[in-house]
Amino acid sequence: MLVKTIIVVLLIAIVLTLLVSVVFLIRDPSSRQRALLGLKIRVALSITLLLFILFSYFMGWIHPHGLVP
């Protein structure tokens, strides 16, 4: 259950950083560095999520399932 919670938290963090970056891009045209920093954080979180899912799979914490249970 902890693994699924961590995955959901990372997904929510990715979406929130994307929304914050869009707000900075639209409302703050003079400082594009903040939008770029937000997008860098989003990419880092996405890579972290991918690596965590792969690690969890290899450790046997999560299991894939097909379309038919």
Protein backbone atom coordinates (compact mmCIF):
# COMPACT_ATOMS: atom_id res chain seq x y z
CA MET A 1 0.00 0.00 0.00
CA LEU A 2 2.91 2.34 0.73
CA VAL A 3 4.29 1.88 -2.79
CA LYS A 4 0.97 2.84 -4.37
CA THR A 5 0.75 5.90 -2.12
CA ILE A 6 4.22 7.03 -3.16
CA ILE A 7 3.31 6.59 -6.83
CA VAL A 8 0.12 8.64 -6.43
CA VAL A 9 1.96 11.39 -4.53
CA LEU A 10 4.60 11.60 -7.26
CA LEU A 11 1.91 11.79 -9.95
CA ILE A 12 0.13 14.59 -8.10
CA ALA A 13 3.44 16.45 -7.64
CA ILE A 14 4.14 16.15 -11.38
CA VAL A 15 0.74 17.62 -12.27
CA LEU A 16 1.09 20.43 -9.71
CA THR A 17 4.54 21.46 -10.96
CA LEU A 18 3.19 21.49 -14.51
CA LEU A 19 0.31 23.77 -13.47
CA VAL A 20 2.64 26.08 -11.53
CA SER A 21 4.97 26.32 -14.52
CA VAL A 22 2.07 27.22 -16.81
CA VAL A 23 0.95 29.94 -14.40
CA PHE A 24 4.48 31.37 -14.28
CA LEU A 25 4.71 31.24 -18.05
CA ILE A 26 1.41 33.06 -18.58
CA ARG A 27 1.35 35.58 -15.73
CA ASP A 28 5.04 36.39 -15.33
CA PRO A 29 6.52 37.06 -18.78
CA SER A 30 9.50 39.02 -17.44
CA SER A 31 10.97 36.11 -15.49
CA ARG A 32 11.05 32.96 -17.57
CA GLN A 33 13.56 31.32 -15.24
CA ARG A 34 10.82 30.33 -12.79
CA ALA A 35 8.86 28.52 -15.49
CA LEU A 36 12.02 26.77 -16.66
CA LEU A 37 12.86 25.72 -13.11
CA GLY A 38 9.35 24.32 -12.65
CA LEU A 39 9.66 22.30 -15.84
CA LYS A 40 13.06 20.98 -14.76
CA ILE A 41 11.55 19.84 -11.47
CA ARG A 42 8.71 18.17 -13.38
CA VAL A 43 11.16 16.24 -15.55
CA ALA A 44 13.15 15.20 -12.49
CA LEU A 45 9.97 13.99 -10.76
CA SER A 46 8.95 12.04 -13.88
CA ILE A 47 12.31 10.31 -14.06
CA THR A 48 12.12 9.56 -10.33
CA LEU A 49 8.66 8.07 -10.77
CA LEU A 50 9.81 5.87 -13.65
CA LEU A 51 12.84 4.62 -11.73
CA PHE A 52 10.75 3.99 -8.62
CA ILE A 53 8.20 1.96 -10.61
CA LEU A 54 10.97 -0.12 -12.20
CA PHE A 55 12.66 -0.65 -8.82
CA SER A 56 9.35 -1.64 -7.22
CA TYR A 57 8.68 -4.12 -10.01
CA PHE A 58 12.10 -5.76 -9.69
CA MET A 59 11.78 -5.93 -5.90
CA GLY A 60 8.39 -7.64 -6.29
CA TRP A 61 6.39 -4.91 -4.54
CA ILE A 62 4.10 -4.35 -7.54
CA HIS A 63 2.90 -6.83 -10.14
CA PRO A 64 1.59 -6.22 -13.64
CA HIS A 65 -1.81 -7.55 -14.56
CA GLY A 66 -3.59 -8.13 -17.83
CA LEU A 67 -6.85 -6.77 -19.08
CA VAL A 68 -8.70 -9.89 -18.00
CA PRO A 69 -8.29 -10.65 -14.26
